[in-house]
Full PDB file with SEQRES, HELIX, SHEET, SSBOND, CRYST1, ORIGX, SCALE, CONECT and MASTER records, all heavy atoms in Angstrom:
SEQRES   1 A   41  LEU LEU PHE SER SER GLY TYR ALA ALA ASN VAL GLY ALA          
SEQRES   2 A   41  ILE ALA ALA LEU ALA ARG PRO GLY ASP VAL ILE VAL SER          
SEQRES   3 A   41  ASP ALA LEU ASN HIS ALA SER ILE ILE ASP GLY CYS ARG          
SEQRES   4 A   41  LEU SER                                                      
HELIX    1 AA1 GLY A    6  LEU A   17  1                                  12    
HELIX    2 AA2 ALA A   32  LEU A   40  1                                   9    
CRYST1    1.000    1.000    1.000  90.00  90.00  90.00 P 1           1          
ORIGX1      1.000000  0.000000  0.000000        0.00000                         
ORIGX2      0.000000  1.000000  0.000000        0.00000                         
ORIGX3      0.000000  0.000000  1.000000        0.00000                         
SCALE1      1.000000  0.000000  0.000000        0.00000                         
SCALE2      0.000000  1.000000  0.000000        0.00000                         
SCALE3      0.000000  0.000000  1.000000        0.00000                         
ATOM      1  N   LEU A   1     -71.512 -67.524 175.260  1.00  0.00           N  
ATOM      2  CA  LEU A   1     -71.519 -66.178 174.677  1.00  0.00           C  
ATOM      3  C   LEU A   1     -70.460 -66.119 173.592  1.00  0.00           C  
ATOM      4  O   LEU A   1     -69.299 -66.494 173.824  1.00  0.00           O  
ATOM      5  CB  LEU A   1     -71.236 -65.130 175.752  1.00  0.00           C  
ATOM      6  CG  LEU A   1     -71.376 -63.657 175.331  1.00  0.00           C  
ATOM      7  CD1 LEU A   1     -72.823 -63.339 174.965  1.00  0.00           C  
ATOM      8  CD2 LEU A   1     -70.907 -62.734 176.459  1.00  0.00           C  
ATOM      9  N   LEU A   2     -70.843 -65.639 172.411  1.00  0.00           N  
ATOM     10  CA  LEU A   2     -69.933 -65.547 171.279  1.00  0.00           C  
ATOM     11  C   LEU A   2     -69.058 -64.300 171.366  1.00  0.00           C  
ATOM     12  O   LEU A   2     -69.529 -63.217 171.722  1.00  0.00           O  
ATOM     13  CB  LEU A   2     -70.728 -65.497 169.970  1.00  0.00           C  
ATOM     14  CG  LEU A   2     -71.454 -66.786 169.556  1.00  0.00           C  
ATOM     15  CD1 LEU A   2     -72.410 -66.504 168.414  1.00  0.00           C  
ATOM     16  CD2 LEU A   2     -70.461 -67.867 169.173  1.00  0.00           C  
ATOM     17  N   PHE A   3     -67.792 -64.469 170.998  1.00  0.00           N  
ATOM     18  CA  PHE A   3     -66.838 -63.360 170.895  1.00  0.00           C  
ATOM     19  C   PHE A   3     -66.239 -63.350 169.489  1.00  0.00           C  
ATOM     20  O   PHE A   3     -66.306 -64.343 168.761  1.00  0.00           O  
ATOM     21  CB  PHE A   3     -65.723 -63.509 171.936  1.00  0.00           C  
ATOM     22  CG  PHE A   3     -66.117 -63.141 173.333  1.00  0.00           C  
ATOM     23  CD1 PHE A   3     -66.900 -63.993 174.092  1.00  0.00           C  
ATOM     24  CD2 PHE A   3     -65.700 -61.938 173.895  1.00  0.00           C  
ATOM     25  CE1 PHE A   3     -67.265 -63.659 175.393  1.00  0.00           C  
ATOM     26  CE2 PHE A   3     -66.056 -61.596 175.192  1.00  0.00           C  
ATOM     27  CZ  PHE A   3     -66.841 -62.459 175.946  1.00  0.00           C  
ATOM     28  N   SER A   4     -65.614 -62.227 169.132  1.00  0.00           N  
ATOM     29  CA  SER A   4     -65.082 -62.082 167.780  1.00  0.00           C  
ATOM     30  C   SER A   4     -63.820 -62.894 167.542  1.00  0.00           C  
ATOM     31  O   SER A   4     -63.469 -63.175 166.400  1.00  0.00           O  
ATOM     32  CB  SER A   4     -64.792 -60.603 167.489  1.00  0.00           C  
ATOM     33  OG  SER A   4     -63.862 -60.085 168.438  1.00  0.00           O  
ATOM     34  N   SER A   5     -63.104 -63.274 168.607  1.00  0.00           N  
ATOM     35  CA  SER A   5     -61.876 -64.057 168.480  1.00  0.00           C  
ATOM     36  C   SER A   5     -61.556 -64.707 169.813  1.00  0.00           C  
ATOM     37  O   SER A   5     -62.100 -64.313 170.860  1.00  0.00           O  
ATOM     38  CB  SER A   5     -60.701 -63.176 168.039  1.00  0.00           C  
ATOM     39  OG  SER A   5     -60.334 -62.291 169.093  1.00  0.00           O  
ATOM     40  N   GLY A   6     -60.646 -65.685 169.786  1.00  0.00           N  
ATOM     41  CA  GLY A   6     -60.191 -66.285 171.023  1.00  0.00           C  
ATOM     42  C   GLY A   6     -59.478 -65.270 171.902  1.00  0.00           C  
ATOM     43  O   GLY A   6     -59.592 -65.308 173.131  1.00  0.00           O  
ATOM     44  N   TYR A   7     -58.716 -64.390 171.285  1.00  0.00           N  
ATOM     45  CA  TYR A   7     -58.038 -63.332 172.045  1.00  0.00           C  
ATOM     46  C   TYR A   7     -59.062 -62.472 172.772  1.00  0.00           C  
ATOM     47  O   TYR A   7     -58.930 -62.193 173.969  1.00  0.00           O  
ATOM     48  CB  TYR A   7     -57.187 -62.485 171.098  1.00  0.00           C  
ATOM     49  CG  TYR A   7     -56.311 -61.484 171.813  1.00  0.00           C  
ATOM     50  CD1 TYR A   7     -54.991 -61.788 172.129  1.00  0.00           C  
ATOM     51  CD2 TYR A   7     -56.806 -60.242 172.191  1.00  0.00           C  
ATOM     52  CE1 TYR A   7     -54.192 -60.876 172.811  1.00  0.00           C  
ATOM     53  CE2 TYR A   7     -56.022 -59.328 172.863  1.00  0.00           C  
ATOM     54  CZ  TYR A   7     -54.710 -59.646 173.164  1.00  0.00           C  
ATOM     55  OH  TYR A   7     -53.923 -58.761 173.844  1.00  0.00           O  
ATOM     56  N   ALA A   8     -60.103 -62.060 172.060  1.00  0.00           N  
ATOM     57  CA  ALA A   8     -61.130 -61.216 172.677  1.00  0.00           C  
ATOM     58  C   ALA A   8     -61.849 -61.957 173.798  1.00  0.00           C  
ATOM     59  O   ALA A   8     -62.206 -61.352 174.826  1.00  0.00           O  
ATOM     60  CB  ALA A   8     -62.128 -60.761 171.621  1.00  0.00           C  
ATOM     61  N   ALA A   9     -62.060 -63.253 173.635  1.00  0.00           N  
ATOM     62  CA  ALA A   9     -62.752 -64.034 174.660  1.00  0.00           C  
ATOM     63  C   ALA A   9     -61.924 -64.111 175.940  1.00  0.00           C  
ATOM     64  O   ALA A   9     -62.433 -63.870 177.045  1.00  0.00           O  
ATOM     65  CB  ALA A   9     -63.062 -65.433 174.139  1.00  0.00           C  
ATOM     66  N   ASN A  10     -60.641 -64.446 175.818  1.00  0.00           N  
ATOM     67  CA  ASN A  10     -59.801 -64.558 177.007  1.00  0.00           C  
ATOM     68  C   ASN A  10     -59.573 -63.208 177.680  1.00  0.00           C  
ATOM     69  O   ASN A  10     -59.712 -63.074 178.904  1.00  0.00           O  
ATOM     70  CB  ASN A  10     -58.456 -65.192 176.643  1.00  0.00           C  
ATOM     71  CG  ASN A  10     -58.507 -66.701 176.655  1.00  0.00           C  
ATOM     72  OD1 ASN A  10     -59.262 -67.310 177.405  1.00  0.00           O  
ATOM     73  ND2 ASN A  10     -57.698 -67.320 175.819  1.00  0.00           N  
ATOM     74  N   VAL A  11     -59.196 -62.215 176.889  1.00  0.00           N  
ATOM     75  CA  VAL A  11     -58.957 -60.890 177.466  1.00  0.00           C  
ATOM     76  C   VAL A  11     -60.222 -60.353 178.122  1.00  0.00           C  
ATOM     77  O   VAL A  11     -60.204 -59.859 179.250  1.00  0.00           O  
ATOM     78  CB  VAL A  11     -58.446 -59.912 176.382  1.00  0.00           C  
ATOM     79  CG1 VAL A  11     -58.499 -58.476 176.885  1.00  0.00           C  
ATOM     80  CG2 VAL A  11     -57.019 -60.255 175.991  1.00  0.00           C  
ATOM     81  N   GLY A  12     -61.331 -60.461 177.413  1.00  0.00           N  
ATOM     82  CA  GLY A  12     -62.584 -59.914 177.929  1.00  0.00           C  
ATOM     83  C   GLY A  12     -63.075 -60.628 179.166  1.00  0.00           C  
ATOM     84  O   GLY A  12     -63.489 -59.995 180.152  1.00  0.00           O  
ATOM     85  N   ALA A  13     -63.036 -61.958 179.147  1.00  0.00           N  
ATOM     86  CA  ALA A  13     -63.572 -62.716 180.278  1.00  0.00           C  
ATOM     87  C   ALA A  13     -62.709 -62.559 181.526  1.00  0.00           C  
ATOM     88  O   ALA A  13     -63.226 -62.307 182.623  1.00  0.00           O  
ATOM     89  CB  ALA A  13     -63.704 -64.188 179.896  1.00  0.00           C  
ATOM     90  N   ILE A  14     -61.397 -62.720 181.377  1.00  0.00           N  
ATOM     91  CA  ILE A  14     -60.530 -62.649 182.562  1.00  0.00           C  
ATOM     92  C   ILE A  14     -60.562 -61.253 183.172  1.00  0.00           C  
ATOM     93  O   ILE A  14     -60.673 -61.088 184.394  1.00  0.00           O  
ATOM     94  CB  ILE A  14     -59.090 -63.062 182.203  1.00  0.00           C  
ATOM     95  CG1 ILE A  14     -59.060 -64.535 181.779  1.00  0.00           C  
ATOM     96  CG2 ILE A  14     -58.148 -62.839 183.378  1.00  0.00           C  
ATOM     97  CD1 ILE A  14     -57.728 -64.985 181.199  1.00  0.00           C  
ATOM     98  N   ALA A  15     -60.473 -60.234 182.329  1.00  0.00           N  
ATOM     99  CA  ALA A  15     -60.468 -58.856 182.841  1.00  0.00           C  
ATOM    100  C   ALA A  15     -61.806 -58.484 183.466  1.00  0.00           C  
ATOM    101  O   ALA A  15     -61.865 -57.626 184.362  1.00  0.00           O  
ATOM    102  CB  ALA A  15     -60.116 -57.886 181.715  1.00  0.00           C  
ATOM    103  N   ALA A  16     -62.900 -59.107 183.017  1.00  0.00           N  
ATOM    104  CA  ALA A  16     -64.209 -58.821 183.597  1.00  0.00           C  
ATOM    105  C   ALA A  16     -64.429 -59.559 184.910  1.00  0.00           C  
ATOM    106  O   ALA A  16     -65.144 -59.082 185.790  1.00  0.00           O  
ATOM    107  CB  ALA A  16     -65.311 -59.210 182.613  1.00  0.00           C  
ATOM    108  N   LEU A  17     -63.806 -60.733 185.054  1.00  0.00           N  
ATOM    109  CA  LEU A  17     -64.056 -61.560 186.232  1.00  0.00           C  
ATOM    110  C   LEU A  17     -63.141 -61.228 187.404  1.00  0.00           C  
ATOM    111  O   LEU A  17     -63.587 -61.145 188.541  1.00  0.00           O  
ATOM    112  CB  LEU A  17     -63.907 -63.042 185.852  1.00  0.00           C  
ATOM    113  CG  LEU A  17     -64.978 -63.599 184.911  1.00  0.00           C  
ATOM    114  CD1 LEU A  17     -64.559 -64.963 184.379  1.00  0.00           C  
ATOM    115  CD2 LEU A  17     -66.323 -63.693 185.633  1.00  0.00           C  
ATOM    116  N   ALA A  18     -61.851 -61.091 187.140  1.00  0.00           N  
ATOM    117  CA  ALA A  18     -60.888 -60.843 188.223  1.00  0.00           C  
ATOM    118  C   ALA A  18     -60.709 -59.336 188.419  1.00  0.00           C  
ATOM    119  O   ALA A  18     -60.858 -58.552 187.486  1.00  0.00           O  
ATOM    120  CB  ALA A  18     -59.557 -61.499 187.890  1.00  0.00           C  
ATOM    121  N   ARG A  19     -60.359 -58.962 189.655  1.00  0.00           N  
ATOM    122  CA  ARG A  19     -60.229 -57.541 189.998  1.00  0.00           C  
ATOM    123  C   ARG A  19     -59.049 -57.326 190.940  1.00  0.00           C  
ATOM    124  O   ARG A  19     -58.507 -58.287 191.500  1.00  0.00           O  
ATOM    125  CB  ARG A  19     -61.492 -57.055 190.707  1.00  0.00           C  
ATOM    126  CG  ARG A  19     -62.787 -57.293 189.992  1.00  0.00           C  
ATOM    127  CD  ARG A  19     -63.927 -56.749 190.811  1.00  0.00           C  
ATOM    128  NE  ARG A  19     -65.215 -57.186 190.286  1.00  0.00           N  
ATOM    129  CZ  ARG A  19     -66.385 -56.892 190.838  1.00  0.00           C  
ATOM    130  NH1 ARG A  19     -66.406 -56.167 191.948  1.00  0.00           N  
ATOM    131  NH2 ARG A  19     -67.507 -57.305 190.307  1.00  0.00           N  
ATOM    132  N   PRO A  20     -58.682 -56.068 191.166  1.00  0.00           N  
ATOM    133  CA  PRO A  20     -57.680 -55.805 192.202  1.00  0.00           C  
ATOM    134  C   PRO A  20     -58.119 -56.422 193.528  1.00  0.00           C  
ATOM    135  O   PRO A  20     -59.288 -56.349 193.905  1.00  0.00           O  
ATOM    136  CB  PRO A  20     -57.644 -54.273 192.273  1.00  0.00           C  
ATOM    137  CG  PRO A  20     -58.055 -53.837 190.887  1.00  0.00           C  
ATOM    138  CD  PRO A  20     -59.088 -54.839 190.441  1.00  0.00           C  
ATOM    139  N   GLY A  21     -57.182 -57.050 194.203  1.00  0.00           N  
ATOM    140  CA  GLY A  21     -57.497 -57.771 195.427  1.00  0.00           C  
ATOM    141  C   GLY A  21     -57.651 -59.253 195.219  1.00  0.00           C  
ATOM    142  O   GLY A  21     -57.598 -60.041 196.170  1.00  0.00           O  
ATOM    143  N   ASP A  22     -57.860 -59.676 193.962  1.00  0.00           N  
ATOM    144  CA  ASP A  22     -57.921 -61.091 193.619  1.00  0.00           C  
ATOM    145  C   ASP A  22     -56.516 -61.619 193.345  1.00  0.00           C  
ATOM    146  O   ASP A  22     -55.582 -60.850 193.106  1.00  0.00           O  
ATOM    147  CB  ASP A  22     -58.769 -61.308 192.368  1.00  0.00           C  
ATOM    148  CG  ASP A  22     -60.245 -61.010 192.587  1.00  0.00           C  
ATOM    149  OD1 ASP A  22     -60.603 -60.588 193.714  1.00  0.00           O  
ATOM    150  OD2 ASP A  22     -61.018 -61.185 191.636  1.00  0.00           O  
ATOM    151  N   VAL A  23     -56.384 -62.929 193.343  1.00  0.00           N  
ATOM    152  CA  VAL A  23     -55.151 -63.588 192.928  1.00  0.00           C  
ATOM    153  C   VAL A  23     -55.479 -64.554 191.793  1.00  0.00           C  
ATOM    154  O   VAL A  23     -56.411 -65.349 191.898  1.00  0.00           O  
ATOM    155  CB  VAL A  23     -54.481 -64.346 194.095  1.00  0.00           C  
ATOM    156  CG1 VAL A  23     -53.348 -65.240 193.588  1.00  0.00           C  
ATOM    157  CG2 VAL A  23     -53.948 -63.368 195.135  1.00  0.00           C  
ATOM    158  N   ILE A  24     -54.714 -64.437 190.714  1.00  0.00           N  
ATOM    159  CA  ILE A  24     -54.833 -65.363 189.579  1.00  0.00           C  
ATOM    160  C   ILE A  24     -53.587 -66.218 189.536  1.00  0.00           C  
ATOM    161  O   ILE A  24     -52.473 -65.699 189.474  1.00  0.00           O  
ATOM    162  CB  ILE A  24     -54.978 -64.615 188.242  1.00  0.00           C  
ATOM    163  CG1 ILE A  24     -56.188 -63.682 188.248  1.00  0.00           C  
ATOM    164  CG2 ILE A  24     -55.074 -65.606 187.083  1.00  0.00           C  
ATOM    165  CD1 ILE A  24     -56.296 -62.802 187.008  1.00  0.00           C  
ATOM    166  N   VAL A  25     -53.760 -67.527 189.558  1.00  0.00           N  
ATOM    167  CA  VAL A  25     -52.656 -68.459 189.391  1.00  0.00           C  
ATOM    168  C   VAL A  25     -52.654 -68.893 187.929  1.00  0.00           C  
ATOM    169  O   VAL A  25     -53.641 -69.451 187.437  1.00  0.00           O  
ATOM    170  CB  VAL A  25     -52.798 -69.675 190.324  1.00  0.00           C  
ATOM    171  CG1 VAL A  25     -51.662 -70.665 190.102  1.00  0.00           C  
ATOM    172  CG2 VAL A  25     -52.833 -69.206 191.782  1.00  0.00           C  
ATOM    173  N   SER A  26     -51.547 -68.631 187.232  1.00  0.00           N  
ATOM    174  CA  SER A  26     -51.495 -68.808 185.780  1.00  0.00           C  
ATOM    175  C   SER A  26     -50.299 -69.660 185.379  1.00  0.00           C  
ATOM    176  O   SER A  26     -49.176 -69.443 185.857  1.00  0.00           O  
ATOM    177  CB  SER A  26     -51.396 -67.424 185.113  1.00  0.00           C  
ATOM    178  OG  SER A  26     -51.296 -67.529 183.705  1.00  0.00           O  
ATOM    179  N   ASP A  27     -50.528 -70.621 184.491  1.00  0.00           N  
ATOM    180  CA  ASP A  27     -49.448 -71.468 183.978  1.00  0.00           C  
ATOM    181  C   ASP A  27     -48.447 -70.623 183.192  1.00  0.00           C  
ATOM    182  O   ASP A  27     -48.818 -69.709 182.450  1.00  0.00           O  
ATOM    183  CB  ASP A  27     -50.034 -72.561 183.070  1.00  0.00           C  
ATOM    184  CG  ASP A  27     -49.015 -73.599 182.662  1.00  0.00           C  
ATOM    185  OD1 ASP A  27     -48.163 -73.304 181.794  1.00  0.00           O  
ATOM    186  OD2 ASP A  27     -49.059 -74.721 183.197  1.00  0.00           O  
ATOM    187  N   ALA A  28     -47.165 -70.948 183.338  1.00  0.00           N  
ATOM    188  CA  ALA A  28     -46.098 -70.158 182.707  1.00  0.00           C  
ATOM    189  C   ALA A  28     -46.201 -70.132 181.194  1.00  0.00           C  
ATOM    190  O   ALA A  28     -45.692 -69.202 180.553  1.00  0.00           O  
ATOM    191  CB  ALA A  28     -44.736 -70.699 183.124  1.00  0.00           C  
ATOM    192  N   LEU A  29     -46.815 -71.140 180.585  1.00  0.00           N  
ATOM    193  CA  LEU A  29     -46.898 -71.182 179.121  1.00  0.00           C  
ATOM    194  C   LEU A  29     -48.291 -70.843 178.593  1.00  0.00           C  
ATOM    195  O   LEU A  29     -48.615 -71.129 177.440  1.00  0.00           O  
ATOM    196  CB  LEU A  29     -46.460 -72.563 178.604  1.00  0.00           C  
ATOM    197  CG  LEU A  29     -44.998 -72.934 178.877  1.00  0.00           C  
ATOM    198  CD1 LEU A  29     -44.639 -74.236 178.145  1.00  0.00           C  
ATOM    199  CD2 LEU A  29     -44.041 -71.826 178.454  1.00  0.00           C  
ATOM    200  N   ASN A  30     -49.106 -70.203 179.415  1.00  0.00           N  
ATOM    201  CA  ASN A  30     -50.418 -69.783 178.934  1.00  0.00           C  
ATOM    202  C   ASN A  30     -50.292 -68.814 177.756  1.00  0.00           C  
ATOM    203  O   ASN A  30     -49.323 -68.067 177.642  1.00  0.00           O  
ATOM    204  CB  ASN A  30     -51.207 -69.107 180.062  1.00  0.00           C  
ATOM    205  CG  ASN A  30     -51.975 -70.110 180.912  1.00  0.00           C  
ATOM    206  OD1 ASN A  30     -52.248 -71.233 180.487  1.00  0.00           O  
ATOM    207  ND2 ASN A  30     -52.324 -69.706 182.126  1.00  0.00           N  
ATOM    208  N   HIS A  31     -51.308 -68.825 176.915  1.00  0.00           N  
ATOM    209  CA  HIS A  31     -51.330 -67.999 175.707  1.00  0.00           C  
ATOM    210  C   HIS A  31     -51.279 -66.505 176.038  1.00  0.00           C  
ATOM    211  O   HIS A  31     -51.694 -66.079 177.117  1.00  0.00           O  
ATOM    212  CB  HIS A  31     -52.615 -68.314 174.927  1.00  0.00           C  
ATOM    213  CG  HIS A  31     -52.660 -67.730 173.557  1.00  0.00           C  
ATOM    214  ND1 HIS A  31     -53.253 -66.514 173.292  1.00  0.00           N  
ATOM    215  CD2 HIS A  31     -52.181 -68.184 172.374  1.00  0.00           C  
ATOM    216  CE1 HIS A  31     -53.151 -66.254 171.992  1.00  0.00           C  
ATOM    217  NE2 HIS A  31     -52.498 -67.246 171.417  1.00  0.00           N  
ATOM    218  N   ALA A  32     -50.787 -65.734 175.090  1.00  0.00           N  
ATOM    219  CA  ALA A  32     -50.666 -64.282 175.275  1.00  0.00           C  
ATOM    220  C   ALA A  32     -52.001 -63.639 175.633  1.00  0.00           C  
ATOM    221  O   ALA A  32     -52.044 -62.664 176.401  1.00  0.00           O  
ATOM    222  CB  ALA A  32     -50.096 -63.645 174.003  1.00  0.00           C  
ATOM    223  N   SER A  33     -53.092 -64.146 175.101  1.00  0.00           N  
ATOM    224  CA  SER A  33     -54.400 -63.568 175.409  1.00  0.00           C  
ATOM    225  C   SER A  33     -54.762 -63.752 176.874  1.00  0.00           C  
ATOM    226  O   SER A  33     -55.406 -62.891 177.486  1.00  0.00           O  
ATOM    227  CB  SER A  33     -55.472 -64.187 174.516  1.00  0.00           C  
ATOM    228  OG  SER A  33     -55.523 -65.604 174.675  1.00  0.00           O  
ATOM    229  N   ILE A  34     -54.350 -64.876 177.466  1.00  0.00           N  
ATOM    230  CA  ILE A  34     -54.566 -65.094 178.894  1.00  0.00           C  
ATOM    231  C   ILE A  34     -53.681 -64.150 179.698  1.00  0.00           C  
ATOM    232  O   ILE A  34     -54.138 -63.517 180.660  1.00  0.00           O  
ATOM    233  CB  ILE A  34     -54.273 -66.558 179.258  1.00  0.00           C  
ATOM    234  CG1 ILE A  34     -55.314 -67.484 178.604  1.00  0.00           C  
ATOM    235  CG2 ILE A  34     -54.244 -66.761 180.771  1.00  0.00           C  
ATOM    236  CD1 ILE A  34     -55.048 -68.960 178.820  1.00  0.00           C  
ATOM    237  N   ILE A  35     -52.424 -64.047 179.303  1.00  0.00           N  
ATOM    238  CA  ILE A  35     -51.491 -63.154 180.001  1.00  0.00           C  
ATOM    239  C   ILE A  35     -52.023 -61.722 179.996  1.00  0.00           C  
ATOM    240  O   ILE A  35     -52.033 -61.032 181.020  1.00  0.00           O  
ATOM    241  CB  ILE A  35     -50.099 -63.219 179.350  1.00  0.00           C  
ATOM    242  CG1 ILE A  35     -49.500 -64.618 179.541  1.00  0.00           C  
ATOM    243  CG2 ILE A  35     -49.179 -62.146 179.907  1.00  0.00           C  
ATOM    244  CD1 ILE A  35     -48.242 -64.863 178.727  1.00  0.00           C  
ATOM    245  N   ASP A  36     -52.479 -61.265 178.833  1.00  0.00           N  
ATOM    246  CA  ASP A  36     -52.970 -59.888 178.734  1.00  0.00           C  
ATOM    247  C   ASP A  36     -54.252 -59.692 179.542  1.00  0.00           C  
ATOM    248  O   ASP A  36     -54.450 -58.641 180.169  1.00  0.00           O  
ATOM    249  CB  ASP A  36     -53.201 -59.521 177.270  1.00  0.00           C  
ATOM    250  CG  ASP A  36     -51.902 -59.386 176.502  1.00  0.00           C  
ATOM    251  OD1 ASP A  36     -50.830 -59.445 177.128  1.00  0.00           O  
ATOM    252  OD2 ASP A  36     -51.945 -59.235 175.262  1.00  0.00           O  
ATOM    253  N   GLY A  37     -55.129 -60.690 179.544  1.00  0.00           N  
ATOM    254  CA  GLY A  37     -56.343 -60.599 180.356  1.00  0.00           C  
ATOM    255  C   GLY A  37     -56.013 -60.494 181.834  1.00  0.00           C  
ATOM    256  O   GLY A  37     -56.626 -59.707 182.565  1.00  0.00           O  
ATOM    257  N   CYS A  38     -55.030 -61.280 182.277  1.00  0.00           N  
ATOM    258  CA  CYS A  38     -54.600 -61.223 183.680  1.00  0.00           C  
ATOM    259  C   CYS A  38     -54.069 -59.830 184.013  1.00  0.00           C  
ATOM    260  O   CYS A  38     -54.391 -59.255 185.068  1.00  0.00           O  
ATOM    261  CB  CYS A  38     -53.533 -62.273 183.945  1.00  0.00           C  
ATOM    262  SG  CYS A  38     -54.131 -63.995 183.907  1.00  0.00           S  
ATOM    263  N   ARG A  39     -53.243 -59.280 183.137  1.00  0.00           N  
ATOM    264  CA  ARG A  39     -52.678 -57.953 183.389  1.00  0.00           C  
ATOM    265  C   ARG A  39     -53.762 -56.882 183.458  1.00  0.00           C  
ATOM    266  O   ARG A  39     -53.746 -56.000 184.324  1.00  0.00           O  
ATOM    267  CB  ARG A  39     -51.675 -57.606 182.293  1.00  0.00           C  
ATOM    268  CG  ARG A  39     -50.387 -58.427 182.348  1.00  0.00           C  
ATOM    269  CD  ARG A  39     -49.558 -58.203 181.101  1.00  0.00           C  
ATOM    270  NE  ARG A  39     -48.259 -58.883 181.178  1.00  0.00           N  
ATOM    271  CZ  ARG A  39     -47.441 -59.045 180.138  1.00  0.00           C  
ATOM    272  NH1 ARG A  39     -47.779 -58.557 178.948  1.00  0.00           N  
ATOM    273  NH2 ARG A  39     -46.296 -59.668 180.295  1.00  0.00           N  
ATOM    274  N   LEU A  40     -54.701 -56.950 182.536  1.00  0.00           N  
ATOM    275  CA  LEU A  40     -55.751 -55.934 182.487  1.00  0.00           C  
ATOM    276  C   LEU A  40     -56.697 -56.012 183.682  1.00  0.00           C  
ATOM    277  O   LEU A  40     -57.332 -55.025 184.035  1.00  0.00           O  
ATOM    278  CB  LEU A  40     -56.552 -56.081 181.190  1.00  0.00           C  
ATOM    279  CG  LEU A  40     -55.845 -55.619 179.913  1.00  0.00           C  
ATOM    280  CD1 LEU A  40     -56.637 -56.055 178.689  1.00  0.00           C  
ATOM    281  CD2 LEU A  40     -55.658 -54.115 179.922  1.00  0.00           C  
ATOM    282  N   SER A  41     -56.806 -57.177 184.293  1.00  0.00           N  
ATOM    283  CA  SER A  41     -57.739 -57.343 185.408  1.00  0.00           C  
ATOM    284  C   SER A  41     -57.337 -56.518 186.627  1.00  0.00           C  
ATOM    285  O   SER A  41     -58.182 -56.169 187.452  1.00  0.00           O  
ATOM    286  CB  SER A  41     -57.822 -58.820 185.803  1.00  0.00           C  
ATOM    287  OG  SER A  41     -56.642 -59.239 186.483  1.00  0.00           O  
TER     288      SER A  41                                                      
MASTER        0    0    0    2    0    0    0    6  287    1    0    4          
END                                                                             
């Protein structure tokens, strides 16, 4: 699925897939778009 940017892809996908009650294990140096997607989830 095409997205407008890498930021939009990471934020959109992570926030759509993970939810309250889930646990995301994230590398400390992951990109800001991953961090923001995790927070929004």
